[in-house]
């Protein structure tokens, strides 16, 4: 029997202020549930905490995620909400 290989997933966690609804821990927990339901293997985690999303050059986690995506280090990106991108 051929076993299907799980897709490798990167999770991206961003929180611009401490007053946002989902803390980094909550985001990570919810993304873990999503990954399990979809059958993904989370291999990378990238974070940008307490940073505005308007300036990409300040978001080292986001930039590192893009570099890893270009290098094909994972297959999919998981993010709790598109506003975090």
C-alpha atoms as a PDB file:
ATOM      1  CA  UNK A   1       0.000   0.000   0.000  1.00  0.00           C
ATOM      2  CA  UNK A   2       1.367   3.408  -0.966  1.00  0.00           C
ATOM      3  CA  UNK A   3       1.324   5.877   1.891  1.00  0.00           C
ATOM      4  CA  UNK A   4       0.563   9.464   0.935  1.00  0.00           C
ATOM      5  CA  UNK A   5       3.190  11.907   2.177  1.00  0.00           C
ATOM      6  CA  UNK A   6       1.907  14.819   4.251  1.00  0.00           C
ATOM      7  CA  UNK A   7       2.373  18.301   2.863  1.00  0.00           C
ATOM      8  CA  UNK A   8       4.906  20.406   4.753  1.00  0.00           C
ATOM      9  CA  UNK A   9       3.338  23.521   6.211  1.00  0.00           C
ATOM     10  CA  UNK A  10       4.723  26.795   7.488  1.00  0.00           C
ATOM     11  CA  UNK A  11       2.670  28.754   9.965  1.00  0.00           C
ATOM     12  CA  UNK A  12       2.877  32.529  10.058  1.00  0.00           C
ATOM     13  CA  UNK A  13       1.936  34.325  13.240  1.00  0.00           C
ATOM     14  CA  UNK A  14       1.679  38.079  13.435  1.00  0.00           C
ATOM     15  CA  UNK A  15       0.348  40.362  16.089  1.00  0.00           C
ATOM     16  CA  UNK A  16       0.650  44.098  15.670  1.00  0.00           C
ATOM     17  CA  UNK A  17      -0.661  45.142  19.091  1.00  0.00           C
ATOM     18  CA  UNK A  18      -1.355  43.535  22.430  1.00  0.00           C
ATOM     19  CA  UNK A  19      -5.054  44.351  22.030  1.00  0.00           C
ATOM     20  CA  UNK A  20      -5.639  42.047  19.055  1.00  0.00           C
ATOM     21  CA  UNK A  21      -8.168  39.267  19.502  1.00  0.00           C
ATOM     22  CA  UNK A  22      -5.862  36.299  18.981  1.00  0.00           C
ATOM     23  CA  UNK A  23      -2.612  36.135  20.926  1.00  0.00           C
ATOM     24  CA  UNK A  24       0.373  34.398  19.317  1.00  0.00           C
ATOM     25  CA  UNK A  25      -0.329  31.333  21.451  1.00  0.00           C
ATOM     26  CA  UNK A  26      -3.990  31.268  20.372  1.00  0.00           C
ATOM     27  CA  UNK A  27      -2.997  31.649  16.735  1.00  0.00           C
ATOM     28  CA  UNK A  28      -0.532  28.768  17.048  1.00  0.00           C
ATOM     29  CA  UNK A  29      -3.124  26.530  18.728  1.00  0.00           C
ATOM     30  CA  UNK A  30      -5.760  27.262  16.076  1.00  0.00           C
ATOM     31  CA  UNK A  31      -3.273  26.714  13.251  1.00  0.00           C
ATOM     32  CA  UNK A  32      -2.236  23.387  14.800  1.00  0.00           C
ATOM     33  CA  UNK A  33      -5.874  22.273  14.701  1.00  0.00           C
ATOM     34  CA  UNK A  34      -6.205  23.409  11.090  1.00  0.00           C
ATOM     35  CA  UNK A  35      -3.004  21.579  10.126  1.00  0.00           C
ATOM     36  CA  UNK A  36      -4.158  18.379  11.784  1.00  0.00           C
ATOM     37  CA  UNK A  37      -7.575  18.532  10.096  1.00  0.00           C
ATOM     38  CA  UNK A  38      -5.958  19.117   6.697  1.00  0.00           C
ATOM     39  CA  UNK A  39      -3.310  16.456   7.232  1.00  0.00           C
ATOM     40  CA  UNK A  40      -0.367  18.890   7.095  1.00  0.00           C
ATOM     41  CA  UNK A  41       2.926  18.505   8.923  1.00  0.00           C
ATOM     42  CA  UNK A  42       3.942  21.881  10.410  1.00  0.00           C
ATOM     43  CA  UNK A  43       7.677  22.115   9.766  1.00  0.00           C
ATOM     44  CA  UNK A  44       8.268  25.864  10.090  1.00  0.00           C
ATOM     45  CA  UNK A  45       6.972  28.680  12.272  1.00  0.00           C
ATOM     46  CA  UNK A  46       7.543  32.324  11.427  1.00  0.00           C
ATOM     47  CA  UNK A  47       6.537  35.195  13.708  1.00  0.00           C
ATOM     48  CA  UNK A  48       6.391  38.955  13.703  1.00  0.00           C
ATOM     49  CA  UNK A  49       5.190  40.244  17.048  1.00  0.00           C
ATOM     50  CA  UNK A  50       4.306  43.836  17.945  1.00  0.00           C
ATOM     51  CA  UNK A  51       4.952  44.987  14.383  1.00  0.00           C
ATOM     52  CA  UNK A  52       2.730  46.842  11.970  1.00  0.00           C
ATOM     53  CA  UNK A  53       2.042  44.991   8.751  1.00  0.00           C
ATOM     54  CA  UNK A  54       2.627  48.050   6.596  1.00  0.00           C
ATOM     55  CA  UNK A  55       6.419  47.813   6.365  1.00  0.00           C
ATOM     56  CA  UNK A  56       7.681  44.468   5.097  1.00  0.00           C
ATOM     57  CA  UNK A  57      11.342  45.328   5.640  1.00  0.00           C
ATOM     58  CA  UNK A  58      10.761  45.380   9.425  1.00  0.00           C
ATOM     59  CA  UNK A  59       8.987  42.015   9.377  1.00  0.00           C
ATOM     60  CA  UNK A  60      11.921  39.605   9.519  1.00  0.00           C
ATOM     61  CA  UNK A  61       9.663  36.603  10.101  1.00  0.00           C
ATOM     62  CA  UNK A  62       7.694  37.384   6.955  1.00  0.00           C
ATOM     63  CA  UNK A  63      10.843  37.939   4.898  1.00  0.00           C
ATOM     64  CA  UNK A  64      12.382  34.708   6.198  1.00  0.00           C
ATOM     65  CA  UNK A  65       9.171  32.885   5.301  1.00  0.00           C
ATOM     66  CA  UNK A  66       9.361  34.199   1.732  1.00  0.00           C
ATOM     67  CA  UNK A  67      12.993  33.069   1.434  1.00  0.00           C
ATOM     68  CA  UNK A  68      12.079  29.612   2.714  1.00  0.00           C
ATOM     69  CA  UNK A  69       9.139  29.446   0.280  1.00  0.00           C
ATOM     70  CA  UNK A  70      11.429  30.298  -2.637  1.00  0.00           C
ATOM     71  CA  UNK A  71      13.798  27.552  -1.462  1.00  0.00           C
ATOM     72  CA  UNK A  72      10.819  25.115  -1.433  1.00  0.00           C
ATOM     73  CA  UNK A  73      11.311  24.306   2.248  1.00  0.00           C
ATOM     74  CA  UNK A  74       7.550  23.837   2.682  1.00  0.00           C
ATOM     75  CA  UNK A  75       4.465  23.316   0.539  1.00  0.00           C
ATOM     76  CA  UNK A  76       1.759  25.509   2.096  1.00  0.00           C
ATOM     77  CA  UNK A  77       1.472  28.541   4.364  1.00  0.00           C
ATOM     78  CA  UNK A  78      -1.030  28.571   7.213  1.00  0.00           C
ATOM     79  CA  UNK A  79      -2.226  31.883   8.586  1.00  0.00           C
ATOM     80  CA  UNK A  80      -5.172  32.498  10.876  1.00  0.00           C
ATOM     81  CA  UNK A  81      -6.406  35.512   8.964  1.00  0.00           C
ATOM     82  CA  UNK A  82      -5.380  37.301   5.794  1.00  0.00           C
ATOM     83  CA  UNK A  83      -5.038  40.522   7.781  1.00  0.00           C
ATOM     84  CA  UNK A  84      -1.962  38.923   9.356  1.00  0.00           C
ATOM     85  CA  UNK A  85      -0.237  38.752   5.994  1.00  0.00           C
END
